């Protein structure tokens, strides 16, 4: 029998509401800032209620990036970020799931040694190896290209480890049944492993998409053409525009637009994402 404690319930809800307000307040201020003129955002106190300039700010931001004419339009930046995020997420999942499949289901010399070599790369993020990686990318002529933005970030020890753990939970009887039915390794992979890993793939896709969308340091280093600028880079560049007052209404609108694709991915895949993180068996 569960004992009801009204006071504890009230306190719990109060803390939850306060937590939601703390998270929502910066988003609300961002939205409010995107609805006012630039001059109003420089006055005190800052506005806390929406203005009437939302459509004007949206048009000047989405199609023209404000008065800073040397910047690409925000729709182009969002397209670059979307392509980069999709390529990173898809590439990481494809390479990691194939690597995990080989490590779990194929018996070859030094199998676990190769796995631990992959796992050790967790200690070598792109920030640690950024100079030699940049030199390799430059020598291959991939600067200012989607390949240069994504290929150095595709390998993922975390995803390989996760898919390995998922495959280890699948009973060996399924593999034996597939062999008896005459299914080869790839048929077993496509018809059994991939459907069983659907929720885990979805969970990894959400995490890796947001990881790719939020990339800043590597795109900043590897791009010189404004047409290859990503949305996260653009926000930082707007804040540091030389000899110009930051257009806070444009910056707020850009930040607001930058939130939309990750939010859409999380909401659209929420059910699969939660299942992929909470499932313990198949």
Protein backbone atom coordinates (compact mmCIF):
# COMPACT_ATOMS: atom_id res chain seq x y z
CA UNK A 1 0.00 0.00 0.00
CA UNK A 2 1.35 3.40 -1.05
CA UNK A 3 1.10 6.08 1.62
CA UNK A 4 -0.10 9.46 0.37
CA UNK A 5 1.83 12.46 1.65
CA UNK A 6 0.13 15.68 0.48
CA UNK A 7 2.92 17.96 1.73
CA UNK A 8 5.59 15.98 -0.11
CA UNK A 9 3.49 16.00 -3.28
CA UNK A 10 3.07 19.77 -3.09
CA UNK A 11 6.79 20.34 -2.52
CA UNK A 12 7.65 18.02 -5.40
CA UNK A 13 5.38 19.91 -7.77
CA UNK A 14 6.77 23.25 -6.60
CA UNK A 15 10.33 22.16 -7.34
CA UNK A 16 9.28 20.78 -10.74
CA UNK A 17 7.54 24.02 -11.65
CA UNK A 18 10.56 26.07 -10.55
CA UNK A 19 12.81 23.82 -12.65
CA UNK A 20 10.61 24.28 -15.71
CA UNK A 21 10.58 28.05 -15.21
CA UNK A 22 14.37 28.18 -14.91
CA UNK A 23 14.75 26.28 -18.17
CA UNK A 24 11.98 28.17 -19.99
CA UNK A 25 12.99 31.70 -18.94
CA UNK A 26 16.02 32.01 -21.28
CA UNK A 27 13.94 30.64 -24.16
CA UNK A 28 11.18 33.14 -23.41
CA UNK A 29 13.67 36.02 -23.31
CA UNK A 30 15.10 34.83 -26.63
CA UNK A 31 11.64 34.80 -28.18
CA UNK A 32 10.78 38.23 -26.75
CA UNK A 33 14.06 39.67 -28.03
CA UNK A 34 13.30 38.39 -31.53
CA UNK A 35 10.06 40.43 -31.61
CA UNK A 36 11.50 43.88 -30.87
CA UNK A 37 13.56 46.44 -32.73
CA UNK A 38 17.32 46.61 -32.24
CA UNK A 39 17.12 49.95 -30.40
CA UNK A 40 14.65 48.58 -27.85
CA UNK A 41 17.01 45.72 -26.96
CA UNK A 42 19.67 48.26 -25.93
CA UNK A 43 17.39 50.02 -23.47
CA UNK A 44 16.85 49.19 -19.82
CA UNK A 45 15.04 47.27 -18.56
CA UNK A 46 15.01 44.56 -21.19
CA UNK A 47 11.52 43.78 -22.49
CA UNK A 48 9.72 40.79 -21.01
CA UNK A 49 6.71 40.82 -23.33
CA UNK A 50 6.61 40.28 -27.11
CA UNK A 51 6.72 43.19 -29.53
CA UNK A 52 5.37 43.65 -33.05
CA UNK A 53 8.54 43.15 -35.11
CA UNK A 54 8.61 39.35 -35.27
CA UNK A 55 7.88 39.03 -39.00
CA UNK A 56 10.28 41.83 -39.95
CA UNK A 57 13.06 40.32 -37.86
CA UNK A 58 12.32 36.89 -39.27
CA UNK A 59 12.54 38.10 -42.87
CA UNK A 60 15.74 40.07 -42.33
CA UNK A 61 17.32 37.18 -40.42
CA UNK A 62 16.21 34.18 -42.43
CA UNK A 63 16.87 35.73 -45.84
CA UNK A 64 19.46 38.42 -45.20
CA UNK A 65 21.21 37.97 -41.80
CA UNK A 66 20.49 41.54 -40.70
CA UNK A 67 22.60 44.44 -41.80
CA UNK A 68 25.85 42.49 -41.69
CA UNK A 69 26.06 41.93 -45.42
CA UNK A 70 29.19 39.78 -45.26
CA UNK A 71 27.26 36.93 -43.67
CA UNK A 72 25.35 34.19 -45.45
CA UNK A 73 21.56 34.17 -44.95
CA UNK A 74 20.46 32.14 -41.97
CA UNK A 75 18.57 29.65 -44.16
CA UNK A 76 21.93 28.76 -45.73
CA UNK A 77 23.56 28.38 -42.32
CA UNK A 78 20.72 26.14 -41.14
CA UNK A 79 21.07 24.03 -44.30
CA UNK A 80 24.81 23.64 -43.66
CA UNK A 81 24.19 22.63 -40.04
CA UNK A 82 21.46 20.20 -41.10
CA UNK A 83 23.67 18.51 -43.68
CA UNK A 84 26.57 18.29 -41.22
CA UNK A 85 24.37 16.91 -38.41
CA UNK A 86 22.74 14.30 -40.67
CA UNK A 87 26.06 13.18 -42.15
CA UNK A 88 27.70 12.91 -38.73
CA UNK A 89 24.76 11.06 -37.16
CA UNK A 90 24.26 8.71 -40.12
CA UNK A 91 27.98 8.07 -40.56
CA UNK A 92 28.60 7.40 -36.88
CA UNK A 93 25.67 4.98 -36.64
CA UNK A 94 26.58 3.13 -39.86
CA UNK A 95 30.25 2.68 -38.96
CA UNK A 96 29.58 1.87 -35.30
CA UNK A 97 26.87 -0.72 -35.87
CA UNK A 98 28.97 -2.53 -38.48
CA UNK A 99 32.01 -2.45 -36.17
CA UNK A 100 29.98 -3.81 -33.26
CA UNK A 101 28.52 -6.53 -35.50
CA UNK A 102 32.01 -7.64 -36.54
CA UNK A 103 33.35 -7.61 -32.97
CA UNK A 104 30.44 -9.60 -31.50
CA UNK A 105 29.65 -12.14 -34.24
CA UNK A 106 32.95 -12.78 -36.02
CA UNK A 107 35.83 -14.69 -34.48
CA UNK A 108 39.15 -13.30 -35.67
CA UNK A 109 42.57 -12.81 -34.05
CA UNK A 110 42.93 -9.89 -31.63
CA UNK A 111 39.19 -9.22 -31.80
CA UNK A 112 38.99 -7.72 -28.30
CA UNK A 113 42.26 -5.91 -28.86
CA UNK A 114 40.70 -4.03 -31.77
CA UNK A 115 37.65 -3.27 -29.65
CA UNK A 116 39.76 -1.75 -26.88
CA UNK A 117 41.73 0.24 -29.46
CA UNK A 118 38.42 1.73 -30.61
CA UNK A 119 37.32 2.33 -27.03
CA UNK A 120 40.58 4.08 -26.09
CA UNK A 121 39.90 6.72 -28.76
CA UNK A 122 37.43 8.20 -26.25
CA UNK A 123 40.52 9.79 -24.69
CA UNK A 124 41.37 11.47 -28.02
CA UNK A 125 38.52 13.86 -28.88
CA UNK A 126 38.84 16.13 -31.88
CA UNK A 127 40.12 18.99 -29.69
CA UNK A 128 43.21 16.91 -28.78
CA UNK A 129 44.05 15.89 -32.35
CA UNK A 130 42.83 19.03 -34.07
CA UNK A 131 46.15 20.12 -35.62
CA UNK A 132 47.11 16.83 -37.32
CA UNK A 133 43.49 16.33 -38.35
CA UNK A 134 43.42 19.77 -39.93
CA UNK A 135 46.65 19.04 -41.78
CA UNK A 136 45.26 15.79 -43.20
CA UNK A 137 41.98 17.45 -44.25
CA UNK A 138 43.87 20.35 -45.86
CA UNK A 139 46.20 18.00 -47.75
CA UNK A 140 43.17 16.12 -49.08
CA UNK A 141 41.62 19.35 -50.32
CA UNK A 142 38.51 19.07 -48.16
CA UNK A 143 38.55 22.57 -46.63
CA UNK A 144 35.26 24.41 -47.15
CA UNK A 145 33.40 21.20 -47.94
CA UNK A 146 30.83 19.02 -46.22
CA UNK A 147 33.27 16.11 -46.30
CA UNK A 148 35.87 18.11 -44.41
CA UNK A 149 33.27 19.17 -41.87
CA UNK A 150 32.03 15.65 -41.18
CA UNK A 151 34.54 12.87 -41.94
CA UNK A 152 36.94 13.68 -39.04
CA UNK A 153 33.97 13.53 -36.63
CA UNK A 154 32.31 10.36 -37.91
CA UNK A 155 34.14 7.67 -35.90
CA UNK A 156 32.44 7.01 -32.55
CA UNK A 157 33.73 4.72 -29.83
CA UNK A 158 30.66 5.47 -27.70
CA UNK A 159 28.21 4.27 -30.36
CA UNK A 160 30.34 1.18 -31.06
CA UNK A 161 30.34 0.29 -27.37
CA UNK A 162 26.58 0.81 -27.09
CA UNK A 163 25.75 -1.36 -30.10
CA UNK A 164 28.13 -4.03 -28.87
CA UNK A 165 26.28 -4.15 -25.56
CA UNK A 166 22.96 -4.34 -27.41
CA UNK A 167 24.13 -7.23 -29.57
CA UNK A 168 25.43 -9.11 -26.52
CA UNK A 169 21.88 -9.13 -25.09
CA UNK A 170 20.48 -10.90 -28.16
CA UNK A 171 20.21 -14.66 -27.47
CA UNK A 172 22.60 -16.94 -29.32
CA UNK A 173 19.60 -19.10 -30.24
CA UNK A 174 18.58 -16.45 -32.79
CA UNK A 175 21.92 -16.76 -34.53
CA UNK A 176 21.65 -20.56 -34.55
CA UNK A 177 18.10 -20.41 -35.90
CA UNK A 178 19.23 -18.07 -38.67
CA UNK A 179 22.04 -20.46 -39.61
CA UNK A 180 19.64 -23.42 -39.68
CA UNK A 181 17.35 -21.45 -42.00
CA UNK A 182 20.28 -20.80 -44.30
CA UNK A 183 20.70 -17.10 -43.56
CA UNK A 184 24.19 -15.72 -44.06
CA UNK A 185 25.83 -13.07 -41.87
CA UNK A 186 24.46 -10.11 -43.79
CA UNK A 187 20.97 -11.59 -43.96
CA UNK A 188 21.10 -12.07 -40.17
CA UNK A 189 22.30 -8.49 -39.81
CA UNK A 190 19.58 -6.93 -41.99
CA UNK A 191 16.62 -9.09 -41.01
CA UNK A 192 17.24 -9.66 -37.30
CA UNK A 193 19.82 -7.35 -35.77
CA UNK A 194 18.69 -4.09 -37.35
CA UNK A 195 14.98 -4.48 -36.46
CA UNK A 196 15.90 -5.43 -32.89
CA UNK A 197 18.19 -2.41 -32.65
CA UNK A 198 15.64 0.08 -33.99
CA UNK A 199 15.05 1.90 -30.71
CA UNK A 200 18.77 2.01 -29.91
CA UNK A 201 19.51 3.44 -33.35
CA UNK A 202 16.85 6.09 -32.78
CA UNK A 203 18.32 7.02 -29.40
CA UNK A 204 21.82 7.30 -30.85
CA UNK A 205 20.51 9.32 -33.80
CA UNK A 206 18.96 11.93 -31.50
CA UNK A 207 22.14 12.24 -29.43
CA UNK A 208 24.47 12.35 -32.43
CA UNK A 209 22.26 14.74 -34.41
CA UNK A 210 22.38 17.28 -31.58
CA UNK A 211 26.14 16.65 -31.25
CA UNK A 212 26.63 17.43 -34.94
CA UNK A 213 24.26 20.40 -34.91
CA UNK A 214 26.11 22.04 -31.98
CA UNK A 215 29.60 21.70 -33.47
CA UNK A 216 31.54 24.95 -33.24
CA UNK A 217 35.32 24.54 -32.95
CA UNK A 218 35.91 22.21 -35.91
CA UNK A 219 33.66 24.10 -38.39
CA UNK A 220 35.27 27.36 -37.26
CA UNK A 221 38.71 25.96 -38.11
CA UNK A 222 37.87 24.17 -41.34
CA UNK A 223 35.75 26.80 -43.11
CA UNK A 224 36.78 30.11 -44.65
CA UNK A 225 33.89 30.58 -47.06
CA UNK A 226 30.86 32.35 -45.57
CA UNK A 227 28.57 30.04 -47.58
CA UNK A 228 29.81 27.10 -45.47
CA UNK A 229 29.13 28.81 -42.13
CA UNK A 230 27.02 26.81 -39.67
CA UNK A 231 24.29 28.28 -37.49
CA UNK A 232 26.24 27.94 -34.23
CA UNK A 233 29.23 29.70 -35.77
CA UNK A 234 27.04 32.52 -37.03
CA UNK A 235 25.68 33.33 -33.57
CA UNK A 236 29.19 33.68 -32.19
CA UNK A 237 30.27 35.82 -35.15
CA UNK A 238 27.27 38.12 -34.71
CA UNK A 239 28.24 38.67 -31.08
CA UNK A 240 31.80 39.57 -32.04
CA UNK A 241 31.13 41.69 -35.12
CA UNK A 242 33.99 44.17 -35.31
CA UNK A 243 33.20 47.87 -34.80
CA UNK A 244 29.47 47.19 -34.91
CA UNK A 245 26.85 47.17 -32.20
CA UNK A 246 25.40 43.64 -31.92
CA UNK A 247 21.91 43.45 -33.40
CA UNK A 248 20.33 41.67 -30.48
CA UNK A 249 17.00 41.21 -32.19
CA UNK A 250 18.72 39.44 -35.10
CA UNK A 251 20.90 37.41 -32.75
CA UNK A 252 17.87 36.33 -30.72
CA UNK A 253 15.96 35.38 -33.88
CA UNK A 254 18.95 33.37 -35.13
CA UNK A 255 19.20 31.56 -31.79
CA UNK A 256 15.46 30.88 -31.91
CA UNK A 257 15.72 29.41 -35.41
CA UNK A 258 18.74 27.34 -34.33
CA UNK A 259 16.60 25.60 -31.68
CA UNK A 260 13.92 24.38 -34.11
CA UNK A 261 15.59 21.38 -35.84
CA UNK A 262 16.96 19.76 -32.63
CA UNK A 263 13.61 20.27 -30.90
CA UNK A 264 11.80 18.75 -33.88
CA UNK A 265 14.09 15.70 -33.88
CA UNK A 266 13.69 15.15 -30.13
CA UNK A 267 9.90 15.53 -30.22
CA UNK A 268 9.47 13.38 -33.34
CA UNK A 269 11.62 10.56 -31.97
CA UNK A 270 10.82 10.95 -28.28
CA UNK A 271 9.13 7.57 -27.85
CA UNK A 272 11.88 5.61 -29.61
CA UNK A 273 14.52 7.67 -27.83
CA UNK A 274 13.18 6.81 -24.37
CA UNK A 275 12.77 3.14 -25.28
CA UNK A 276 16.31 2.99 -26.63
CA UNK A 277 17.74 4.36 -23.38
CA UNK A 278 15.61 2.25 -21.00
CA UNK A 279 15.39 -1.17 -22.65
CA UNK A 280 17.52 -3.78 -20.96
CA UNK A 281 16.61 -6.87 -22.96
CA UNK A 282 15.13 -7.86 -26.29
